[in-house]
């Protein structure tokens, strides 16, 4: 299988220690304690466990306070994405490369498409008609089964 997403130079593995507050994660990088950013505000219940391998990307700006962003975690020997911006990038890449046959036959990709009073991650259009898509990370794992959402949410009922 081809790699659909490439991570920037300087991306690296680390070891998860703990999560503090919503956007801070403590890890060990080469045996040194480092605090990194996560943009995932979900609970990630059942996903983050001390000692597990995680994958980090370097901060885009050297001025940013935290040096890395949490991208992936490896709870059951499989990588799971936790960066909330990744599903949209991955969706577009799957459309561009025709990796998913169901995304073929659409020649236009509109990200962040408005539908009524809502916004969805993408609208594809073309000879096959229109396809509205919402893409999410799955951040809860129970017995090797991915579950979404990982907590009760009124926003998710839309």
N, C-alpha and C. Protein backbone atom coordinates (compact mmCIF):
# COMPACT_ATOMS: atom_id res chain seq x y z
N UNK A 1 0.85 -1.19 0.00
CA UNK A 1 0.00 0.00 0.00
C UNK A 1 0.89 1.24 0.00
N UNK A 2 0.51 2.22 -0.78
CA UNK A 2 1.30 3.45 -0.85
C UNK A 2 1.06 4.31 0.39
N UNK A 3 2.04 5.14 0.70
CA UNK A 3 1.87 6.08 1.80
C UNK A 3 1.17 7.31 1.23
N UNK A 4 0.00 7.60 1.76
CA UNK A 4 -0.79 8.71 1.24
C UNK A 4 -0.36 10.05 1.81
N UNK A 5 0.12 10.05 3.04
CA UNK A 5 0.54 11.30 3.67
C UNK A 5 2.01 11.22 4.03
N UNK A 6 2.68 12.31 3.81
CA UNK A 6 4.08 12.40 4.21
C UNK A 6 4.16 13.38 5.38
N UNK A 7 4.96 13.01 6.36
CA UNK A 7 5.16 13.89 7.50
C UNK A 7 6.45 14.68 7.27
N UNK A 8 6.54 15.89 7.83
CA UNK A 8 7.70 16.73 7.58
C UNK A 8 8.99 16.15 8.15
N UNK A 9 10.08 16.60 7.59
CA UNK A 9 11.40 16.23 8.10
C UNK A 9 11.47 16.62 9.57
N UNK A 10 12.08 15.78 10.36
CA UNK A 10 12.16 16.05 11.80
C UNK A 10 11.07 15.36 12.59
N UNK A 11 10.12 14.70 11.90
CA UNK A 11 9.10 13.92 12.60
C UNK A 11 9.79 12.73 13.25
N UNK A 12 9.23 12.28 14.39
CA UNK A 12 9.93 11.23 15.12
C UNK A 12 9.02 10.48 16.07
N UNK A 13 9.48 9.31 16.46
CA UNK A 13 8.78 8.50 17.46
C UNK A 13 9.13 9.02 18.85
N UNK A 14 8.23 8.74 19.79
CA UNK A 14 8.44 9.10 21.18
C UNK A 14 7.65 8.10 22.03
N UNK A 15 7.74 8.26 23.34
CA UNK A 15 7.01 7.40 24.27
C UNK A 15 6.05 8.26 25.07
N UNK A 16 4.77 7.88 25.06
CA UNK A 16 3.74 8.63 25.79
C UNK A 16 3.91 8.45 27.29
N UNK A 17 3.77 9.57 28.02
CA UNK A 17 3.84 9.55 29.48
C UNK A 17 2.47 9.87 30.07
N UNK A 18 1.94 11.06 29.74
CA UNK A 18 0.66 11.49 30.31
C UNK A 18 0.08 12.64 29.50
N UNK A 19 -1.21 12.83 29.67
CA UNK A 19 -1.88 13.98 29.07
C UNK A 19 -2.21 14.95 30.19
N UNK A 20 -1.93 16.22 29.95
CA UNK A 20 -2.23 17.27 30.93
C UNK A 20 -3.13 18.29 30.25
N UNK A 21 -4.25 18.54 30.84
CA UNK A 21 -5.22 19.46 30.25
C UNK A 21 -5.63 18.95 28.87
N UNK A 22 -6.25 19.79 28.08
CA UNK A 22 -6.77 19.34 26.78
C UNK A 22 -5.72 19.28 25.69
N UNK A 23 -4.78 20.19 25.71
CA UNK A 23 -3.88 20.33 24.56
C UNK A 23 -2.41 20.04 24.86
N UNK A 24 -2.11 19.52 26.02
CA UNK A 24 -0.72 19.24 26.39
C UNK A 24 -0.52 17.74 26.63
N UNK A 25 0.55 17.22 26.07
CA UNK A 25 0.89 15.80 26.23
C UNK A 25 2.37 15.72 26.62
N UNK A 26 2.66 14.88 27.60
CA UNK A 26 4.04 14.66 28.04
C UNK A 26 4.55 13.36 27.42
N UNK A 27 5.74 13.43 26.84
CA UNK A 27 6.36 12.28 26.19
C UNK A 27 7.84 12.24 26.55
N UNK A 28 8.47 11.12 26.21
CA UNK A 28 9.92 11.02 26.24
C UNK A 28 10.41 10.96 24.81
N UNK A 29 11.32 11.87 24.46
CA UNK A 29 11.98 11.87 23.15
C UNK A 29 13.45 11.56 23.41
N UNK A 30 13.92 10.45 22.90
CA UNK A 30 15.30 10.02 23.15
C UNK A 30 15.63 10.03 24.65
N UNK A 31 14.66 9.60 25.46
CA UNK A 31 14.87 9.51 26.91
C UNK A 31 14.70 10.81 27.67
N UNK A 32 14.47 11.92 26.94
CA UNK A 32 14.29 13.23 27.59
C UNK A 32 12.81 13.57 27.69
N UNK A 33 12.34 14.12 28.83
CA UNK A 33 10.94 14.52 28.93
C UNK A 33 10.68 15.77 28.09
N UNK A 34 9.61 15.73 27.30
CA UNK A 34 9.24 16.86 26.43
C UNK A 34 7.72 17.01 26.50
N UNK A 35 7.25 18.25 26.57
CA UNK A 35 5.82 18.52 26.48
C UNK A 35 5.51 18.92 25.06
N UNK A 36 4.47 18.29 24.48
CA UNK A 36 4.10 18.54 23.08
C UNK A 36 2.63 18.94 23.01
N UNK A 37 2.25 19.45 21.86
CA UNK A 37 0.88 19.92 21.61
C UNK A 37 0.04 18.81 20.99
N UNK A 38 -1.23 18.73 21.39
CA UNK A 38 -2.21 17.95 20.65
C UNK A 38 -3.37 18.87 20.32
N UNK A 39 -3.86 18.83 19.09
CA UNK A 39 -5.01 19.66 18.73
C UNK A 39 -6.31 18.89 18.92
N UNK A 40 -6.23 17.67 19.46
CA UNK A 40 -7.40 16.84 19.66
C UNK A 40 -7.96 17.10 21.05
N UNK A 41 -9.14 17.72 21.10
CA UNK A 41 -9.75 18.05 22.39
C UNK A 41 -10.60 16.91 22.94
N UNK A 42 -10.74 15.83 22.17
CA UNK A 42 -11.51 14.67 22.64
C UNK A 42 -10.81 13.97 23.79
N UNK A 43 -11.55 13.12 24.48
CA UNK A 43 -10.98 12.43 25.64
C UNK A 43 -9.92 11.41 25.26
N UNK A 44 -9.98 10.85 24.06
CA UNK A 44 -9.09 9.78 23.61
C UNK A 44 -9.10 8.62 24.60
N UNK A 45 -10.27 8.40 25.20
CA UNK A 45 -10.48 7.34 26.18
C UNK A 45 -10.10 5.99 25.60
N UNK A 46 -9.33 5.23 26.33
CA UNK A 46 -8.94 3.90 25.89
C UNK A 46 -7.85 3.90 24.84
N UNK A 47 -7.36 5.06 24.49
CA UNK A 47 -6.36 5.14 23.41
C UNK A 47 -4.97 5.45 23.95
N UNK A 48 -4.88 6.38 24.87
CA UNK A 48 -3.58 6.81 25.39
C UNK A 48 -3.22 6.04 26.66
N UNK A 49 -2.09 5.33 26.61
CA UNK A 49 -1.62 4.60 27.77
C UNK A 49 -0.13 4.87 27.98
N UNK A 50 0.28 5.11 29.22
CA UNK A 50 1.70 5.35 29.49
C UNK A 50 2.57 4.23 28.92
N UNK A 51 3.67 4.63 28.31
CA UNK A 51 4.63 3.68 27.75
C UNK A 51 4.40 3.33 26.29
N UNK A 52 3.28 3.76 25.72
CA UNK A 52 3.00 3.42 24.32
C UNK A 52 3.79 4.32 23.37
N UNK A 53 4.05 3.78 22.19
CA UNK A 53 4.75 4.54 21.16
C UNK A 53 3.81 5.57 20.54
N UNK A 54 4.33 6.77 20.31
CA UNK A 54 3.58 7.83 19.62
C UNK A 54 4.48 8.41 18.53
N UNK A 55 3.88 9.18 17.64
CA UNK A 55 4.63 9.79 16.55
C UNK A 55 4.35 11.28 16.55
N UNK A 56 5.40 12.08 16.43
CA UNK A 56 5.32 13.54 16.53
C UNK A 56 5.82 14.20 15.25
N UNK A 57 5.22 15.35 14.93
CA UNK A 57 5.75 16.18 13.84
C UNK A 57 6.31 17.46 14.47
N UNK A 58 7.35 18.03 13.87
CA UNK A 58 7.94 19.24 14.43
C UNK A 58 7.01 20.44 14.23
N UNK A 59 7.11 21.40 15.13
CA UNK A 59 6.34 22.63 15.01
C UNK A 59 6.71 23.33 13.71
N UNK A 60 5.70 23.85 13.02
CA UNK A 60 5.94 24.54 11.74
C UNK A 60 6.72 25.83 11.95
N UNK A 61 6.52 26.46 13.10
CA UNK A 61 7.20 27.73 13.38
C UNK A 61 8.19 27.54 14.54
N UNK A 62 9.42 28.01 14.38
CA UNK A 62 10.38 27.91 15.49
C UNK A 62 9.98 28.77 16.68
N UNK A 63 9.05 29.69 16.48
CA UNK A 63 8.60 30.57 17.57
C UNK A 63 7.53 29.92 18.44
N UNK A 64 6.98 28.79 17.97
CA UNK A 64 5.93 28.14 18.76
C UNK A 64 6.51 27.62 20.07
N UNK A 65 5.74 27.73 21.13
CA UNK A 65 6.21 27.36 22.46
C UNK A 65 6.55 25.88 22.57
N UNK A 66 5.71 25.01 22.00
CA UNK A 66 5.94 23.57 22.09
C UNK A 66 6.59 23.06 20.81
N UNK A 67 7.61 22.21 20.93
CA UNK A 67 8.41 21.84 19.75
C UNK A 67 7.76 20.83 18.80
N UNK A 68 6.75 20.09 19.27
CA UNK A 68 6.15 19.04 18.44
C UNK A 68 4.63 19.02 18.57
N UNK A 69 4.00 18.36 17.59
CA UNK A 69 2.56 18.08 17.62
C UNK A 69 2.37 16.57 17.60
N UNK A 70 1.46 16.09 18.43
CA UNK A 70 1.14 14.67 18.45
C UNK A 70 0.34 14.32 17.20
N UNK A 71 0.84 13.38 16.41
CA UNK A 71 0.20 12.98 15.16
C UNK A 71 -0.50 11.62 15.26
N UNK A 72 0.25 10.63 15.76
CA UNK A 72 -0.23 9.25 15.76
C UNK A 72 0.08 8.59 17.10
N UNK A 73 -0.75 7.62 17.48
CA UNK A 73 -0.48 6.79 18.65
C UNK A 73 -0.58 5.33 18.20
N UNK A 74 0.05 4.45 18.96
CA UNK A 74 0.08 3.04 18.56
C UNK A 74 -0.41 2.15 19.71
N UNK A 75 -1.73 2.10 19.91
CA UNK A 75 -2.26 1.39 21.08
C UNK A 75 -2.26 -0.14 20.97
N UNK A 76 -2.44 -0.68 19.81
CA UNK A 76 -2.60 -2.14 19.64
C UNK A 76 -1.69 -2.67 18.54
N UNK A 77 -0.55 -2.02 18.35
CA UNK A 77 0.34 -2.43 17.28
C UNK A 77 0.00 -1.80 15.94
N UNK A 78 -1.06 -1.02 15.89
CA UNK A 78 -1.48 -0.32 14.67
C UNK A 78 -1.46 1.18 14.94
N UNK A 79 -1.05 1.96 13.96
CA UNK A 79 -1.02 3.41 14.12
C UNK A 79 -2.43 3.98 13.99
N UNK A 80 -2.77 4.90 14.90
CA UNK A 80 -4.07 5.57 14.92
C UNK A 80 -3.81 7.07 14.88
N UNK A 81 -4.44 7.78 13.93
CA UNK A 81 -4.27 9.23 13.83
C UNK A 81 -5.06 9.97 14.88
N UNK A 82 -4.43 10.96 15.51
CA UNK A 82 -5.12 11.77 16.51
C UNK A 82 -5.08 13.26 16.18
N UNK A 83 -4.31 13.66 15.18
CA UNK A 83 -4.28 15.07 14.76
C UNK A 83 -5.57 15.33 13.99
N UNK A 84 -6.39 16.25 14.49
CA UNK A 84 -7.72 16.46 13.91
C UNK A 84 -7.70 17.09 12.52
N UNK A 85 -6.56 17.60 12.07
CA UNK A 85 -6.50 18.14 10.71
C UNK A 85 -6.12 17.07 9.68
N UNK A 86 -5.64 15.94 10.14
CA UNK A 86 -5.19 14.89 9.22
C UNK A 86 -6.30 14.24 8.41
N UNK A 87 -7.47 13.93 8.96
CA UNK A 87 -8.50 13.27 8.14
C UNK A 87 -8.85 14.05 6.87
N UNK A 88 -8.91 15.36 6.94
CA UNK A 88 -9.24 16.15 5.75
C UNK A 88 -8.12 16.08 4.71
N UNK A 89 -6.88 16.14 5.16
CA UNK A 89 -5.75 16.00 4.22
C UNK A 89 -5.74 14.61 3.60
N UNK A 90 -6.01 13.61 4.41
CA UNK A 90 -6.02 12.23 3.93
C UNK A 90 -7.16 12.01 2.94
N UNK A 91 -8.33 12.56 3.24
CA UNK A 91 -9.48 12.44 2.34
C UNK A 91 -9.15 13.03 0.97
N UNK A 92 -8.58 14.23 0.96
CA UNK A 92 -8.24 14.85 -0.32
C UNK A 92 -7.20 14.02 -1.08
N UNK A 93 -6.24 13.50 -0.36
CA UNK A 93 -5.20 12.69 -1.00
C UNK A 93 -5.79 11.39 -1.58
N UNK A 94 -6.73 10.78 -0.87
CA UNK A 94 -7.37 9.56 -1.39
C UNK A 94 -8.16 9.87 -2.65
N UNK A 95 -8.79 11.04 -2.70
CA UNK A 95 -9.53 11.46 -3.90
C UNK A 95 -8.56 11.69 -5.06
N UNK A 96 -7.45 12.42 -4.78
CA UNK A 96 -6.47 12.73 -5.82
C UNK A 96 -5.83 11.49 -6.42
N UNK A 97 -5.60 10.49 -5.60
CA UNK A 97 -4.88 9.29 -6.05
C UNK A 97 -5.81 8.14 -6.44
N UNK A 98 -7.12 8.36 -6.34
CA UNK A 98 -8.12 7.31 -6.65
C UNK A 98 -7.87 6.04 -5.83
N UNK A 99 -7.39 6.22 -4.62
CA UNK A 99 -7.12 5.09 -3.73
C UNK A 99 -8.41 4.39 -3.31
N UNK A 100 -9.47 5.16 -3.12
CA UNK A 100 -10.77 4.62 -2.73
C UNK A 100 -11.69 4.70 -3.94
N UNK A 101 -12.09 3.56 -4.50
CA UNK A 101 -12.89 3.57 -5.73
C UNK A 101 -14.18 4.39 -5.61
N UNK A 102 -14.77 4.43 -4.43
CA UNK A 102 -16.02 5.18 -4.24
C UNK A 102 -15.84 6.68 -4.42
N UNK A 103 -14.61 7.16 -4.41
CA UNK A 103 -14.35 8.59 -4.61
C UNK A 103 -14.06 8.92 -6.07
N UNK A 104 -14.07 7.93 -6.94
CA UNK A 104 -13.84 8.14 -8.38
C UNK A 104 -15.12 8.67 -9.03
N UNK A 105 -14.95 9.37 -10.15
CA UNK A 105 -16.10 9.89 -10.88
C UNK A 105 -16.54 11.27 -10.41
N UNK A 106 -15.74 11.87 -9.57
CA UNK A 106 -15.99 13.25 -9.12
C UNK A 106 -14.77 14.06 -9.53
N UNK A 107 -14.98 15.14 -10.27
CA UNK A 107 -13.82 15.90 -10.74
C UNK A 107 -13.58 17.19 -9.96
N UNK A 108 -14.43 17.48 -8.99
CA UNK A 108 -14.24 18.68 -8.17
C UNK A 108 -14.28 18.31 -6.69
N UNK A 109 -13.35 18.89 -5.95
CA UNK A 109 -13.23 18.66 -4.50
C UNK A 109 -13.32 20.01 -3.82
N UNK A 110 -14.36 20.24 -3.05
CA UNK A 110 -14.53 21.50 -2.33
C UNK A 110 -14.40 21.22 -0.83
N UNK A 111 -13.30 21.67 -0.21
CA UNK A 111 -13.15 21.45 1.23
C UNK A 111 -14.02 22.42 2.03
N UNK A 112 -14.37 22.02 3.25
CA UNK A 112 -15.14 22.87 4.16
C UNK A 112 -16.40 23.41 3.48
N UNK A 113 -17.15 22.53 2.86
CA UNK A 113 -18.34 22.92 2.08
C UNK A 113 -19.53 23.20 2.99
N UNK A 114 -20.25 24.27 2.68
CA UNK A 114 -21.42 24.67 3.46
C UNK A 114 -22.66 23.97 2.92
N UNK A 115 -23.45 23.41 3.84
CA UNK A 115 -24.71 22.74 3.50
C UNK A 115 -25.74 23.23 4.52
N UNK A 116 -26.62 24.13 4.08
CA UNK A 116 -27.58 24.73 5.02
C UNK A 116 -26.84 25.54 6.06
N UNK A 117 -27.12 25.25 7.34
CA UNK A 117 -26.42 25.97 8.41
C UNK A 117 -25.26 25.14 8.99
N UNK A 118 -24.83 24.15 8.22
CA UNK A 118 -23.72 23.30 8.65
C UNK A 118 -22.56 23.38 7.66
N UNK A 119 -21.42 22.93 8.12
CA UNK A 119 -20.25 22.84 7.25
C UNK A 119 -19.74 21.40 7.33
N UNK A 120 -19.54 20.79 6.17
CA UNK A 120 -18.99 19.44 6.12
C UNK A 120 -17.56 19.51 5.60
N UNK A 121 -16.82 18.45 5.82
CA UNK A 121 -15.40 18.46 5.46
C UNK A 121 -15.16 18.56 3.97
N UNK A 122 -16.04 18.00 3.15
CA UNK A 122 -15.82 18.07 1.70
C UNK A 122 -17.11 17.82 0.94
N UNK A 123 -17.17 18.43 -0.24
CA UNK A 123 -18.22 18.12 -1.22
C UNK A 123 -17.51 17.78 -2.52
N UNK A 124 -17.77 16.58 -3.01
CA UNK A 124 -17.25 16.16 -4.30
C UNK A 124 -18.38 16.29 -5.30
N UNK A 125 -18.06 16.72 -6.51
CA UNK A 125 -19.08 16.80 -7.55
C UNK A 125 -18.47 16.43 -8.89
N UNK A 126 -19.32 16.00 -9.79
CA UNK A 126 -18.87 15.58 -11.11
C UNK A 126 -19.91 14.72 -11.78
N UNK A 127 -19.51 13.91 -12.76
CA UNK A 127 -20.45 13.08 -13.50
C UNK A 127 -21.30 12.16 -12.62
N UNK A 128 -20.80 11.76 -11.48
CA UNK A 128 -21.57 10.89 -10.58
C UNK A 128 -22.54 11.66 -9.71
N UNK A 129 -22.53 12.99 -9.80
CA UNK A 129 -23.40 13.81 -8.95
C UNK A 129 -22.61 14.47 -7.84
N UNK A 130 -23.24 14.57 -6.68
CA UNK A 130 -22.60 15.18 -5.51
C UNK A 130 -22.42 14.14 -4.42
N UNK A 131 -21.33 14.31 -3.67
CA UNK A 131 -21.06 13.45 -2.53
C UNK A 131 -20.57 14.35 -1.40
N UNK A 132 -21.31 14.35 -0.29
CA UNK A 132 -20.94 15.13 0.89
C UNK A 132 -20.24 14.21 1.87
N UNK A 133 -19.11 14.67 2.41
CA UNK A 133 -18.30 13.80 3.27
C UNK A 133 -17.91 14.53 4.55
N UNK A 134 -18.00 13.83 5.66
CA UNK A 134 -17.47 14.27 6.94
C UNK A 134 -16.41 13.24 7.32
N UNK A 135 -15.19 13.70 7.58
CA UNK A 135 -14.07 12.79 7.89
C UNK A 135 -13.62 13.03 9.33
N UNK A 136 -13.40 11.97 10.06
CA UNK A 136 -13.01 12.09 11.47
C UNK A 136 -11.90 11.11 11.82
N UNK A 137 -11.14 11.47 12.85
CA UNK A 137 -10.25 10.51 13.50
C UNK A 137 -11.12 9.65 14.41
N UNK A 138 -10.77 8.40 14.54
CA UNK A 138 -11.44 7.53 15.50
C UNK A 138 -10.49 7.39 16.68
N UNK A 139 -10.91 7.90 17.84
CA UNK A 139 -9.98 8.03 18.95
C UNK A 139 -10.30 7.15 20.15
N UNK A 140 -11.20 6.21 19.99
CA UNK A 140 -11.50 5.28 21.09
C UNK A 140 -11.36 3.86 20.55
N UNK A 141 -10.60 3.06 21.26
CA UNK A 141 -10.38 1.68 20.85
C UNK A 141 -10.76 0.77 22.01
N UNK A 142 -11.64 -0.19 21.75
CA UNK A 142 -12.00 -1.20 22.74
C UNK A 142 -11.89 -2.56 22.07
N UNK A 143 -11.07 -3.43 22.62
CA UNK A 143 -10.87 -4.78 22.06
C UNK A 143 -10.55 -4.72 20.57
N UNK A 144 -9.65 -3.82 20.20
CA UNK A 144 -9.19 -3.64 18.81
C UNK A 144 -10.29 -3.17 17.86
N UNK A 145 -11.37 -2.61 18.41
CA UNK A 145 -12.45 -2.05 17.60
C UNK A 145 -12.44 -0.54 17.78
N UNK A 146 -12.40 0.19 16.67
CA UNK A 146 -12.40 1.65 16.72
C UNK A 146 -13.84 2.15 16.91
N UNK A 147 -14.03 3.10 17.84
CA UNK A 147 -15.36 3.63 18.15
C UNK A 147 -15.35 5.15 18.04
N UNK A 148 -16.45 5.70 17.56
CA UNK A 148 -16.57 7.16 17.44
C UNK A 148 -18.02 7.55 17.70
N UNK A 149 -18.26 8.63 18.45
CA UNK A 149 -17.30 9.46 19.19
C UNK A 149 -16.85 8.76 20.46
N UNK A 150 -15.88 9.37 21.14
CA UNK A 150 -15.35 8.75 22.35
C UNK A 150 -16.01 9.28 23.62
N UNK A 151 -16.98 10.17 23.46
CA UNK A 151 -17.71 10.73 24.60
C UNK A 151 -19.04 11.28 24.09
N UNK A 152 -19.96 11.51 25.01
CA UNK A 152 -21.26 12.08 24.64
C UNK A 152 -21.04 13.49 24.12
N UNK A 153 -21.69 13.83 23.00
CA UNK A 153 -21.55 15.16 22.41
C UNK A 153 -22.84 15.59 21.73
N UNK A 154 -23.30 16.79 22.04
CA UNK A 154 -24.49 17.30 21.35
C UNK A 154 -24.11 17.78 19.96
N UNK A 155 -22.89 18.27 19.80
CA UNK A 155 -22.43 18.73 18.48
C UNK A 155 -22.43 17.60 17.47
N UNK A 156 -22.10 16.39 17.91
CA UNK A 156 -22.04 15.24 17.03
C UNK A 156 -23.39 14.71 16.61
N UNK A 157 -24.47 15.25 17.16
CA UNK A 157 -25.82 14.79 16.81
C UNK A 157 -26.39 15.53 15.62
N UNK A 158 -25.70 16.54 15.12
CA UNK A 158 -26.20 17.35 14.01
C UNK A 158 -26.53 16.55 12.80
